[in-house]
Amino acid sequence: MSLPNTSKSILVVEDDPDIRELLKIALEMEGHFVETAQNGQEAWDFLNGSNQKPALMIIDLMMPVMDGWKLLELKSQSAEFKEIPAMIVSATSDKKFPIPEKNQVILKKPLDLKVFLSHVAKFV
């Protein structure tokens, strides 16, 4: 997996294969280059193994192996990755959502595609 050197590259981190594919298709139709990961560990391995950083990460919170909470924690502690904007998309309400940082936005599932894409356009 590798992203092209572009400001339109996005990493989608989502465990549900249908949602992951839907987001990928919608983003590609808008002209973005998209890589996907099915959990936080896969995303973290991708980030550390890629020469290119995505312009935006779209992260679900509730995932197996490594959840989005842990991925966001690792990202925020990394000098290399902490500046990558993150869109948190989740249906969960079992934990208190963090206050979004300057380069974050939180959207609740189910997503409104127009609202989702308008937020993507703000970051990418």
N, C-alpha and C. Protein backbone atom coordinates (compact mmCIF):
# COMPACT_ATOMS: atom_id res chain seq x y z
N MET A 1 0.84 -1.18 0.00
CA MET A 1 0.00 0.00 0.00
C MET A 1 0.88 1.24 0.00
N SER A 2 0.58 2.15 -0.86
CA SER A 2 1.26 3.44 -0.81
C SER A 2 0.38 4.48 -1.48
N LEU A 3 0.48 5.67 -0.97
CA LEU A 3 -0.30 6.78 -1.51
C LEU A 3 0.58 7.61 -2.43
N PRO A 4 0.00 8.17 -3.47
CA PRO A 4 0.78 9.05 -4.32
C PRO A 4 1.13 10.33 -3.56
N ASN A 5 2.15 11.00 -4.00
CA ASN A 5 2.56 12.24 -3.36
C ASN A 5 1.58 13.34 -3.79
N THR A 6 0.50 13.47 -3.04
CA THR A 6 -0.54 14.42 -3.40
C THR A 6 -1.24 14.93 -2.17
N SER A 7 -1.79 16.11 -2.26
CA SER A 7 -2.54 16.67 -1.14
C SER A 7 -3.97 16.13 -1.11
N LYS A 8 -4.31 15.23 -2.06
CA LYS A 8 -5.67 14.68 -2.11
C LYS A 8 -5.70 13.22 -1.66
N SER A 9 -4.69 12.78 -0.93
CA SER A 9 -4.64 11.39 -0.48
C SER A 9 -5.30 11.24 0.89
N ILE A 10 -6.06 10.15 1.04
CA ILE A 10 -6.84 9.94 2.26
C ILE A 10 -6.68 8.49 2.70
N LEU A 11 -6.54 8.29 4.01
CA LEU A 11 -6.51 6.95 4.60
C LEU A 11 -7.81 6.75 5.37
N VAL A 12 -8.62 5.77 4.94
CA VAL A 12 -9.87 5.44 5.59
C VAL A 12 -9.64 4.24 6.50
N VAL A 13 -9.94 4.41 7.79
CA VAL A 13 -9.75 3.35 8.78
C VAL A 13 -11.13 2.97 9.31
N GLU A 14 -11.63 1.84 8.83
CA GLU A 14 -13.01 1.42 9.12
C GLU A 14 -13.08 -0.09 9.06
N ASP A 15 -13.64 -0.73 10.10
CA ASP A 15 -13.70 -2.19 10.13
C ASP A 15 -14.86 -2.77 9.32
N ASP A 16 -15.93 -2.02 9.13
CA ASP A 16 -17.07 -2.53 8.37
C ASP A 16 -16.73 -2.47 6.88
N PRO A 17 -16.65 -3.63 6.20
CA PRO A 17 -16.21 -3.62 4.80
C PRO A 17 -17.15 -2.84 3.87
N ASP A 18 -18.45 -2.87 4.16
CA ASP A 18 -19.39 -2.14 3.30
C ASP A 18 -19.21 -0.63 3.44
N ILE A 19 -19.08 -0.15 4.66
CA ILE A 19 -18.87 1.29 4.90
C ILE A 19 -17.53 1.72 4.34
N ARG A 20 -16.50 0.89 4.57
CA ARG A 20 -15.15 1.20 4.07
C ARG A 20 -15.17 1.36 2.56
N GLU A 21 -15.82 0.45 1.86
CA GLU A 21 -15.87 0.50 0.40
C GLU A 21 -16.71 1.68 -0.08
N LEU A 22 -17.82 1.94 0.58
CA LEU A 22 -18.67 3.07 0.22
C LEU A 22 -17.92 4.39 0.35
N LEU A 23 -17.20 4.57 1.46
CA LEU A 23 -16.41 5.80 1.65
C LEU A 23 -15.32 5.91 0.60
N LYS A 24 -14.67 4.79 0.29
CA LYS A 24 -13.60 4.79 -0.72
C LYS A 24 -14.16 5.23 -2.07
N ILE A 25 -15.28 4.66 -2.47
CA ILE A 25 -15.88 4.99 -3.76
C ILE A 25 -16.30 6.46 -3.80
N ALA A 26 -16.96 6.93 -2.74
CA ALA A 26 -17.41 8.33 -2.70
C ALA A 26 -16.22 9.28 -2.78
N LEU A 27 -15.16 8.97 -2.08
CA LEU A 27 -13.98 9.84 -2.09
C LEU A 27 -13.26 9.80 -3.43
N GLU A 28 -13.17 8.62 -4.02
CA GLU A 28 -12.53 8.52 -5.34
C GLU A 28 -13.34 9.25 -6.40
N MET A 29 -14.66 9.24 -6.28
CA MET A 29 -15.49 9.98 -7.22
C MET A 29 -15.27 11.49 -7.12
N GLU A 30 -14.78 11.93 -5.96
CA GLU A 30 -14.45 13.35 -5.75
C GLU A 30 -13.01 13.65 -6.16
N GLY A 31 -12.29 12.65 -6.67
CA GLY A 31 -10.93 12.86 -7.16
C GLY A 31 -9.83 12.59 -6.16
N HIS A 32 -10.15 11.95 -5.05
CA HIS A 32 -9.14 11.67 -4.03
C HIS A 32 -8.49 10.31 -4.27
N PHE A 33 -7.26 10.17 -3.82
CA PHE A 33 -6.56 8.89 -3.81
C PHE A 33 -6.79 8.29 -2.43
N VAL A 34 -7.28 7.05 -2.38
CA VAL A 34 -7.71 6.47 -1.11
C VAL A 34 -7.01 5.14 -0.84
N GLU A 35 -6.50 5.01 0.37
CA GLU A 35 -6.04 3.73 0.91
C GLU A 35 -6.96 3.40 2.06
N THR A 36 -7.09 2.12 2.37
CA THR A 36 -7.97 1.72 3.46
C THR A 36 -7.23 0.81 4.43
N ALA A 37 -7.73 0.81 5.65
CA ALA A 37 -7.25 -0.10 6.69
C ALA A 37 -8.48 -0.57 7.46
N GLN A 38 -8.47 -1.84 7.89
CA GLN A 38 -9.65 -2.36 8.57
C GLN A 38 -9.59 -2.26 10.08
N ASN A 39 -8.48 -1.74 10.62
CA ASN A 39 -8.40 -1.48 12.06
C ASN A 39 -7.23 -0.53 12.32
N GLY A 40 -7.13 -0.07 13.55
CA GLY A 40 -6.10 0.89 13.90
C GLY A 40 -4.69 0.37 13.74
N GLN A 41 -4.48 -0.91 14.05
CA GLN A 41 -3.14 -1.49 13.90
C GLN A 41 -2.70 -1.50 12.44
N GLU A 42 -3.61 -1.88 11.56
CA GLU A 42 -3.29 -1.88 10.13
C GLU A 42 -2.98 -0.46 9.65
N ALA A 43 -3.73 0.51 10.14
CA ALA A 43 -3.48 1.91 9.77
C ALA A 43 -2.13 2.38 10.30
N TRP A 44 -1.82 2.05 11.55
CA TRP A 44 -0.56 2.46 12.16
C TRP A 44 0.62 1.83 11.42
N ASP A 45 0.49 0.55 11.06
CA ASP A 45 1.54 -0.12 10.29
C ASP A 45 1.70 0.55 8.93
N PHE A 46 0.59 0.91 8.29
CA PHE A 46 0.64 1.59 7.01
C PHE A 46 1.39 2.92 7.13
N LEU A 47 1.02 3.72 8.13
CA LEU A 47 1.66 5.02 8.32
C LEU A 47 3.17 4.88 8.50
N ASN A 48 3.56 3.92 9.31
CA ASN A 48 4.98 3.73 9.61
C ASN A 48 5.75 3.07 8.47
N GLY A 49 5.04 2.43 7.54
CA GLY A 49 5.72 1.75 6.45
C GLY A 49 5.64 2.47 5.12
N SER A 50 4.98 3.62 5.09
CA SER A 50 4.79 4.34 3.84
C SER A 50 5.73 5.54 3.75
N ASN A 51 6.15 5.84 2.54
CA ASN A 51 6.98 7.02 2.31
C ASN A 51 6.15 8.30 2.31
N GLN A 52 4.85 8.16 2.06
CA GLN A 52 3.96 9.31 1.95
C GLN A 52 2.97 9.33 3.10
N LYS A 53 2.68 10.51 3.59
CA LYS A 53 1.66 10.66 4.62
C LYS A 53 0.36 11.09 3.95
N PRO A 54 -0.77 10.56 4.42
CA PRO A 54 -2.04 11.01 3.85
C PRO A 54 -2.32 12.45 4.24
N ALA A 55 -3.11 13.12 3.42
CA ALA A 55 -3.51 14.49 3.73
C ALA A 55 -4.61 14.50 4.78
N LEU A 56 -5.30 13.36 4.94
CA LEU A 56 -6.42 13.24 5.88
C LEU A 56 -6.58 11.79 6.27
N MET A 57 -6.94 11.57 7.54
CA MET A 57 -7.30 10.23 8.02
C MET A 57 -8.77 10.27 8.44
N ILE A 58 -9.53 9.28 8.00
CA ILE A 58 -10.92 9.13 8.41
C ILE A 58 -10.95 7.88 9.30
N ILE A 59 -11.32 8.06 10.57
CA ILE A 59 -11.13 7.01 11.56
C ILE A 59 -12.43 6.67 12.29
N ASP A 60 -12.80 5.39 12.22
CA ASP A 60 -13.88 4.86 13.04
C ASP A 60 -13.30 4.64 14.44
N LEU A 61 -14.13 4.66 15.46
CA LEU A 61 -13.64 4.46 16.82
C LEU A 61 -13.70 3.01 17.28
N MET A 62 -14.80 2.34 16.99
CA MET A 62 -14.99 0.97 17.48
C MET A 62 -14.54 -0.03 16.42
N MET A 63 -13.33 -0.61 16.64
CA MET A 63 -12.76 -1.57 15.71
C MET A 63 -12.02 -2.64 16.50
N PRO A 64 -11.88 -3.83 15.92
CA PRO A 64 -11.09 -4.87 16.59
C PRO A 64 -9.59 -4.60 16.45
N VAL A 65 -8.79 -5.36 17.12
CA VAL A 65 -7.33 -5.33 17.12
C VAL A 65 -6.81 -4.06 17.79
N MET A 66 -6.97 -2.92 17.14
CA MET A 66 -6.66 -1.62 17.75
C MET A 66 -7.80 -0.68 17.38
N ASP A 67 -8.45 -0.11 18.39
CA ASP A 67 -9.58 0.77 18.10
C ASP A 67 -9.10 2.17 17.70
N GLY A 68 -10.05 2.97 17.29
CA GLY A 68 -9.73 4.33 16.85
C GLY A 68 -9.22 5.22 17.98
N TRP A 69 -9.68 4.96 19.20
CA TRP A 69 -9.19 5.74 20.35
C TRP A 69 -7.68 5.60 20.48
N LYS A 70 -7.20 4.34 20.40
CA LYS A 70 -5.75 4.07 20.54
C LYS A 70 -4.99 4.65 19.35
N LEU A 71 -5.54 4.52 18.15
CA LEU A 71 -4.89 5.09 16.97
C LEU A 71 -4.75 6.61 17.11
N LEU A 72 -5.80 7.27 17.56
CA LEU A 72 -5.74 8.72 17.76
C LEU A 72 -4.71 9.09 18.83
N GLU A 73 -4.63 8.28 19.87
CA GLU A 73 -3.64 8.52 20.93
C GLU A 73 -2.22 8.40 20.37
N LEU A 74 -1.94 7.34 19.63
CA LEU A 74 -0.61 7.15 19.02
C LEU A 74 -0.29 8.28 18.06
N LYS A 75 -1.28 8.65 17.25
CA LYS A 75 -1.10 9.74 16.27
C LYS A 75 -0.75 11.05 16.97
N SER A 76 -1.46 11.34 18.05
CA SER A 76 -1.24 12.61 18.76
C SER A 76 0.12 12.66 19.45
N GLN A 77 0.68 11.48 19.75
CA GLN A 77 1.99 11.43 20.42
C GLN A 77 3.16 11.37 19.44
N SER A 78 2.85 11.28 18.16
CA SER A 78 3.87 11.14 17.13
C SER A 78 4.18 12.48 16.48
N ALA A 79 5.43 12.89 16.55
CA ALA A 79 5.84 14.14 15.90
C ALA A 79 5.61 14.05 14.39
N GLU A 80 5.76 12.86 13.84
CA GLU A 80 5.63 12.67 12.39
C GLU A 80 4.17 12.71 11.92
N PHE A 81 3.23 12.24 12.75
CA PHE A 81 1.86 12.07 12.29
C PHE A 81 0.84 12.97 12.98
N LYS A 82 1.20 13.66 14.03
CA LYS A 82 0.19 14.40 14.80
C LYS A 82 -0.48 15.53 14.03
N GLU A 83 0.18 16.05 13.01
CA GLU A 83 -0.41 17.16 12.23
C GLU A 83 -1.35 16.70 11.13
N ILE A 84 -1.44 15.37 10.90
CA ILE A 84 -2.37 14.88 9.88
C ILE A 84 -3.79 15.10 10.41
N PRO A 85 -4.63 15.81 9.67
CA PRO A 85 -6.01 16.00 10.12
C PRO A 85 -6.74 14.66 10.23
N ALA A 86 -7.69 14.60 11.17
CA ALA A 86 -8.47 13.37 11.37
C ALA A 86 -9.95 13.70 11.41
N MET A 87 -10.72 12.92 10.66
CA MET A 87 -12.17 12.95 10.75
C MET A 87 -12.58 11.70 11.50
N ILE A 88 -13.19 11.87 12.65
CA ILE A 88 -13.64 10.74 13.44
C ILE A 88 -15.10 10.48 13.05
N VAL A 89 -15.37 9.26 12.59
CA VAL A 89 -16.73 8.89 12.20
C VAL A 89 -17.11 7.65 13.00
N SER A 90 -18.15 7.77 13.80
CA SER A 90 -18.51 6.65 14.66
C SER A 90 -19.96 6.73 15.09
N ALA A 91 -20.53 5.57 15.33
CA ALA A 91 -21.89 5.48 15.86
C ALA A 91 -21.86 5.32 17.37
N THR A 92 -20.69 5.16 17.92
CA THR A 92 -20.56 4.88 19.35
C THR A 92 -20.95 6.07 20.22
N SER A 93 -21.49 5.75 21.35
CA SER A 93 -21.75 6.79 22.34
C SER A 93 -21.39 6.26 23.73
N ASP A 94 -20.60 5.17 23.75
CA ASP A 94 -20.26 4.56 25.03
C ASP A 94 -19.11 5.27 25.75
N LYS A 95 -18.36 6.06 25.03
CA LYS A 95 -17.29 6.86 25.64
C LYS A 95 -17.56 8.32 25.30
N LYS A 96 -17.07 9.17 26.13
CA LYS A 96 -17.21 10.59 25.86
C LYS A 96 -16.28 10.97 24.70
N PHE A 97 -16.85 11.65 23.73
CA PHE A 97 -16.02 12.09 22.61
C PHE A 97 -15.03 13.13 23.08
N PRO A 98 -13.82 13.08 22.54
CA PRO A 98 -12.85 14.12 22.89
C PRO A 98 -13.26 15.45 22.26
N ILE A 99 -12.79 16.52 22.83
CA ILE A 99 -12.99 17.82 22.21
C ILE A 99 -12.11 17.85 20.97
N PRO A 100 -12.68 18.10 19.82
CA PRO A 100 -11.87 18.06 18.60
C PRO A 100 -10.72 19.07 18.66
N GLU A 101 -9.56 18.61 18.21
CA GLU A 101 -8.42 19.51 18.09
C GLU A 101 -8.62 20.35 16.84
N LYS A 102 -7.71 21.27 16.60
CA LYS A 102 -7.85 22.17 15.45
C LYS A 102 -7.89 21.41 14.12
N ASN A 103 -7.28 20.25 14.09
CA ASN A 103 -7.24 19.50 12.83
C ASN A 103 -8.10 18.23 12.91
N GLN A 104 -9.22 18.33 13.67
CA GLN A 104 -10.13 17.19 13.79
C GLN A 104 -11.58 17.63 13.69
N VAL A 105 -12.40 16.70 13.26
CA VAL A 105 -13.85 16.89 13.28
C VAL A 105 -14.47 15.54 13.65
N ILE A 106 -15.59 15.58 14.33
CA ILE A 106 -16.29 14.35 14.72
C ILE A 106 -17.65 14.32 14.04
N LEU A 107 -17.92 13.22 13.32
CA LEU A 107 -19.21 13.03 12.67
C LEU A 107 -19.81 11.73 13.19
N LYS A 108 -21.11 11.78 13.49
CA LYS A 108 -21.81 10.59 13.97
C LYS A 108 -22.39 9.81 12.79
N LYS A 109 -22.31 8.48 12.88
CA LYS A 109 -22.96 7.61 11.91
C LYS A 109 -24.43 7.49 12.30
N PRO A 110 -25.32 7.32 11.34
CA PRO A 110 -25.06 7.23 9.90
C PRO A 110 -24.68 8.60 9.33
N LEU A 111 -23.78 8.56 8.37
CA LEU A 111 -23.26 9.78 7.77
C LEU A 111 -24.19 10.33 6.71
N ASP A 112 -24.30 11.64 6.67
CA ASP A 112 -24.91 12.33 5.55
C ASP A 112 -23.77 12.58 4.56
N LEU A 113 -23.85 11.99 3.38
CA LEU A 113 -22.74 12.04 2.43
C LEU A 113 -22.35 13.47 2.05
N LYS A 114 -23.32 14.35 1.86
CA LYS A 114 -23.01 15.75 1.52
C LYS A 114 -22.24 16.43 2.65
N VAL A 115 -22.68 16.23 3.87
CA VAL A 115 -22.00 16.83 5.03
C VAL A 115 -20.60 16.23 5.16
N PHE A 116 -20.49 14.92 5.01
CA PHE A 116 -19.21 14.23 5.07
C PHE A 116 -18.23 14.81 4.06
N LEU A 117 -18.66 14.90 2.79
CA LEU A 117 -17.78 15.40 1.74
C LEU A 117 -17.44 16.87 1.92
N SER A 118 -18.34 17.66 2.49
CA SER A 118 -18.03 19.07 2.75
C SER A 118 -16.94 19.19 3.81
N HIS A 119 -16.94 18.30 4.79
CA HIS A 119 -15.87 18.31 5.80
C HIS A 119 -14.56 17.85 5.21
N VAL A 120 -14.61 16.84 4.35
CA VAL A 120 -13.40 16.38 3.68
C VAL A 120 -12.78 17.54 2.89
N ALA A 121 -13.61 18.29 2.19
CA ALA A 121 -13.12 19.41 1.36
C ALA A 121 -12.44 20.48 2.21
N LYS A 122 -12.82 20.62 3.47
CA LYS A 122 -12.16 21.60 4.35
C LYS A 122 -10.73 21.21 4.67
N PHE A 123 -10.46 19.90 4.69
CA PHE A 123 -9.13 19.42 5.06
C PHE A 123 -8.24 19.12 3.86
N VAL A 124 -8.85 18.70 2.76
CA VAL A 124 -8.06 18.23 1.61
C VAL A 124 -8.28 19.17 0.43
